[in-house]
C-alpha cells in the first residue's frame, strides 16, 4: 500500500526520483542480475528518507488510540484513569511545531539526520522521536519495523533499478480511502524498461 503512495509522490517530484535512482546506481551498480544484500540496503539512506517523507505526507494510520492507566493532567485538564485518547498522527506530521515547512515534500529532512550538519531541519532533529511515528513508539513500537523498511527499500530498488514508472495522468488526484487505515484504491501508471 505504501508503495502506491511512493510511486505517486515520485511521479510528482521527478527530481526526487532522479536522486533516488542516482543512489541506487551508486550503491547497486548497473548489473541488474547482481543480488541486493544487507550491506547494500544499509547504504540506501536517500531511499530510506523518501519512504519516511512519503509516510509523513500520507500516513497509513491517521490516528492511534491510547488509554491512560492513572489519572493525569494534560493540557491543563484533569483526566481520570481509563480515559481514551485518540492521537491524530496526521496532524502531528504536518505541524509547524515539529516540522520545518511541513507542507513541503522534501526527503532531505530525514536524510542522515543524525550526521547532517545542515541547520535547515533543526526542528526535525529535536522532535523526530515523538513527532514521527511511522511504526508507533515506546513499548508498543512495531517489532517488525526493521524488516518492513528492508522490504520497502528492496522493493523500491528492484522496481526503480529496472523500470521507469510515470503516472498516466499527472493531474489526476490519488484515489484513496481512509478508515482505520488509508488505502490506495487506484493508481494508473505507465511502466517501461529503464535505459542505461
Protein backbone atom coordinates (compact mmCIF):
# COMPACT_ATOMS: atom_id res chain seq x y z
CA UNK A 1 0.00 0.00 0.00
CA UNK A 2 2.74 2.47 0.94
CA UNK A 3 4.42 1.58 -2.37
CA UNK A 4 1.48 3.17 -4.25
CA UNK A 5 1.94 6.40 -2.31
CA UNK A 6 5.71 6.35 -3.01
CA UNK A 7 5.08 5.87 -6.76
CA UNK A 8 2.56 8.72 -6.69
CA UNK A 9 4.94 11.16 -4.97
CA UNK A 10 7.90 10.15 -7.15
CA UNK A 11 5.68 10.81 -10.16
CA UNK A 12 5.07 14.35 -8.91
CA UNK A 13 8.67 15.03 -7.87
CA UNK A 14 10.95 13.89 -10.73
CA UNK A 15 14.00 15.43 -9.04
CA UNK A 16 13.42 13.14 -6.05
CA UNK A 17 13.03 10.14 -8.36
CA UNK A 18 16.26 11.10 -10.15
CA UNK A 19 18.16 11.41 -6.85
CA UNK A 20 16.78 8.02 -5.74
CA UNK A 21 17.94 6.43 -9.00
CA UNK A 22 21.34 8.04 -8.59
CA UNK A 23 21.69 6.46 -5.15
CA UNK A 24 20.53 3.07 -6.45
CA UNK A 25 23.10 3.22 -9.26
CA UNK A 26 25.88 4.28 -6.88
CA UNK A 27 25.14 1.58 -4.31
CA UNK A 28 24.00 -1.28 -6.56
CA UNK A 29 25.67 -0.52 -9.89
CA UNK A 30 24.34 -1.25 -13.38
CA UNK A 31 24.43 -5.04 -13.14
CA UNK A 32 20.73 -5.83 -12.78
CA UNK A 33 21.49 -9.50 -12.09
CA UNK A 34 23.53 -8.62 -9.01
CA UNK A 35 21.54 -9.56 -5.90
CA UNK A 36 20.83 -6.95 -3.27
CA UNK A 37 22.44 -7.74 0.07
CA UNK A 38 22.07 -6.34 3.57
CA UNK A 39 25.14 -4.10 3.23
CA UNK A 40 23.61 -2.52 0.12
CA UNK A 41 20.31 -1.93 1.89
CA UNK A 42 22.06 -0.22 4.81
CA UNK A 43 23.63 2.28 2.37
CA UNK A 44 20.30 3.36 0.84
CA UNK A 45 19.98 6.48 3.02
CA UNK A 46 18.07 8.55 0.48
CA UNK A 47 15.69 5.67 -0.26
CA UNK A 48 15.00 5.46 3.47
CA UNK A 49 14.40 9.22 3.57
CA UNK A 50 11.97 9.06 0.62
CA UNK A 51 9.89 6.35 2.30
CA UNK A 52 9.72 8.34 5.53
CA UNK A 53 8.80 11.61 3.82
CA UNK A 54 6.04 9.92 1.80
CA UNK A 55 4.68 8.43 5.02
CA UNK A 56 4.81 11.83 6.71
CA UNK A 57 2.62 13.25 3.93
CA UNK A 58 0.32 10.22 3.62
CA UNK A 59 0.28 8.27 6.87
CA UNK A 60 -1.31 4.85 6.55
CA UNK A 61 -2.80 5.31 10.03
CA UNK A 62 -4.24 8.74 10.78
CA UNK A 63 -4.65 8.19 14.49
CA UNK A 64 -3.79 5.83 17.30
CA UNK A 65 -5.76 5.16 20.47
CA UNK A 66 -4.35 5.14 23.97
CA UNK A 67 -5.89 4.78 27.45
CA UNK A 68 -4.26 6.33 30.49
CA UNK A 69 -3.64 3.92 33.36
CA UNK A 70 -3.86 6.54 36.10
CA UNK A 71 -5.38 9.98 36.50
CA UNK A 72 -3.25 12.66 34.90
CA UNK A 73 -3.20 16.31 33.93
CA UNK A 74 -2.66 17.02 30.26
CA UNK A 75 -3.18 20.35 28.52
CA UNK A 76 -4.48 21.93 31.72
CA UNK A 77 -7.25 19.34 32.10
CA UNK A 78 -7.54 16.57 34.67
CA UNK A 79 -8.20 13.22 33.05
CA UNK A 80 -9.50 10.30 35.12
CA UNK A 81 -7.94 6.85 34.90
CA UNK A 82 -9.25 4.88 31.92
CA UNK A 83 -9.77 7.90 29.65
CA UNK A 84 -9.46 7.08 25.94
CA UNK A 85 -7.26 9.35 23.86
CA UNK A 86 -7.01 9.39 20.08
CA UNK A 87 -3.76 10.88 18.88
CA UNK A 88 -4.13 12.36 15.41
CA UNK A 89 -0.82 11.42 13.76
CA UNK A 90 -1.71 13.14 10.52
CA UNK A 91 -1.90 16.46 12.36
CA UNK A 92 1.39 15.92 14.18
CA UNK A 93 3.08 15.02 10.87
CA UNK A 94 2.08 18.38 9.38
CA UNK A 95 2.50 20.60 12.44
CA UNK A 96 4.75 23.66 12.24
CA UNK A 97 5.64 22.99 15.86
CA UNK A 98 7.57 19.88 14.83
CA UNK A 99 8.43 20.24 11.15
CA UNK A 100 10.16 22.91 9.10
CA UNK A 101 7.92 23.87 6.16
CA UNK A 102 5.67 20.87 6.87
CA UNK A 103 3.67 21.22 3.64
CA UNK A 104 6.85 20.90 1.54
CA UNK A 105 7.77 17.45 0.24
CA UNK A 106 11.49 17.13 0.97
CA UNK A 107 13.12 13.78 1.79
CA UNK A 108 16.27 15.60 2.91
CA UNK A 109 14.55 16.31 6.23
CA UNK A 110 15.22 12.61 7.00
CA UNK A 111 18.50 12.17 5.12
CA UNK A 112 21.27 11.18 7.54
CA UNK A 113 19.54 13.30 10.18
CA UNK A 114 21.98 12.35 12.94
CA UNK A 115 25.00 13.26 10.83
CA UNK A 116 23.52 16.21 8.97
CA UNK A 117 25.22 19.45 9.91
CA UNK A 118 22.78 21.40 7.77
CA UNK A 119 20.69 23.52 10.11
CA UNK A 120 17.68 23.70 7.77
CA UNK A 121 15.91 20.98 9.74
CA UNK A 122 16.65 21.71 13.40
CA UNK A 123 13.02 21.11 14.41
CA UNK A 124 13.19 17.62 12.96
CA UNK A 125 16.39 16.84 14.86
CA UNK A 126 14.85 17.97 18.15
CA UNK A 127 11.43 16.34 17.85
CA UNK A 128 11.71 13.36 15.49
CA UNK A 129 11.48 10.76 18.25
CA UNK A 130 7.97 11.86 19.25
CA UNK A 131 6.64 13.52 16.10
CA UNK A 132 7.38 10.83 13.52
CA UNK A 133 5.54 7.68 14.41
CA UNK A 134 5.68 5.52 11.29
CA UNK A 135 5.87 2.40 13.46
CA UNK A 136 4.37 3.67 16.70
CA UNK A 137 6.57 4.32 19.70
CA UNK A 138 7.57 3.43 23.21
CA UNK A 139 6.90 -0.06 24.45
CA UNK A 140 4.32 -0.57 21.69
CA UNK A 141 6.67 0.16 18.80
CA UNK A 142 6.26 -2.29 15.94
CA UNK A 143 8.63 -5.24 16.40
CA UNK A 144 8.74 -5.76 12.62
CA UNK A 145 9.76 -2.17 11.76
CA UNK A 146 13.29 -3.02 10.59
CA UNK A 147 12.08 -5.87 8.40
CA UNK A 148 9.35 -3.63 6.94
CA UNK A 149 11.90 -0.95 5.99
CA UNK A 150 14.22 -3.55 4.48
CA UNK A 151 11.33 -4.93 2.40
CA UNK A 152 10.27 -1.45 1.23
CA UNK A 153 13.82 -0.47 0.27
CA UNK A 154 14.34 -3.77 -1.58
CA UNK A 155 11.06 -3.35 -3.43
CA UNK A 156 11.88 0.22 -4.48
CA UNK A 157 15.39 -0.81 -5.51
CA UNK A 158 14.16 -3.75 -7.57
CA UNK A 159 11.48 -1.71 -9.32
CA UNK A 160 13.26 1.60 -9.91
CA UNK A 161 16.55 -0.02 -10.98
CA UNK A 162 14.83 -1.83 -13.85
CA UNK A 163 11.83 0.27 -14.77
CA UNK A 164 10.79 3.81 -15.49
CA UNK A 165 7.43 4.46 -13.86
CA UNK A 166 5.33 7.51 -14.65
CA UNK A 167 1.83 8.50 -13.67
CA UNK A 168 -0.59 8.01 -16.56
CA UNK A 169 -2.21 11.36 -15.74
CA UNK A 170 -0.10 13.66 -13.56
CA UNK A 171 -3.14 15.87 -12.92
CA UNK A 172 -5.29 13.02 -11.65
CA UNK A 173 -5.61 13.00 -7.85
CA UNK A 174 -4.64 9.90 -5.96
CA UNK A 175 -7.70 7.76 -5.33
CA UNK A 176 -7.60 6.52 -1.78
CA UNK A 177 -9.92 5.60 1.03
CA UNK A 178 -9.43 6.44 4.69
CA UNK A 179 -10.84 4.50 7.57
CA UNK A 180 -8.81 2.90 10.29
CA UNK A 181 -6.13 2.62 7.60
CA UNK A 182 -5.57 4.66 4.45
CA UNK A 183 -5.53 2.50 1.33
CA UNK A 184 -4.83 3.39 -2.27
CA UNK A 185 -7.82 2.39 -4.39
CA UNK A 186 -6.47 3.19 -7.85
CA UNK A 187 -3.16 4.36 -9.28
CA UNK A 188 -2.75 4.19 -13.05
CA UNK A 189 0.86 4.25 -14.20
CA UNK A 190 2.94 3.73 -17.34
CA UNK A 191 5.83 1.31 -16.94
CA UNK A 192 8.70 0.77 -19.37
CA UNK A 193 12.12 -0.79 -19.16
CA UNK A 194 14.77 1.61 -17.97
CA UNK A 195 17.55 2.52 -20.37
CA UNK A 196 21.09 2.91 -19.07
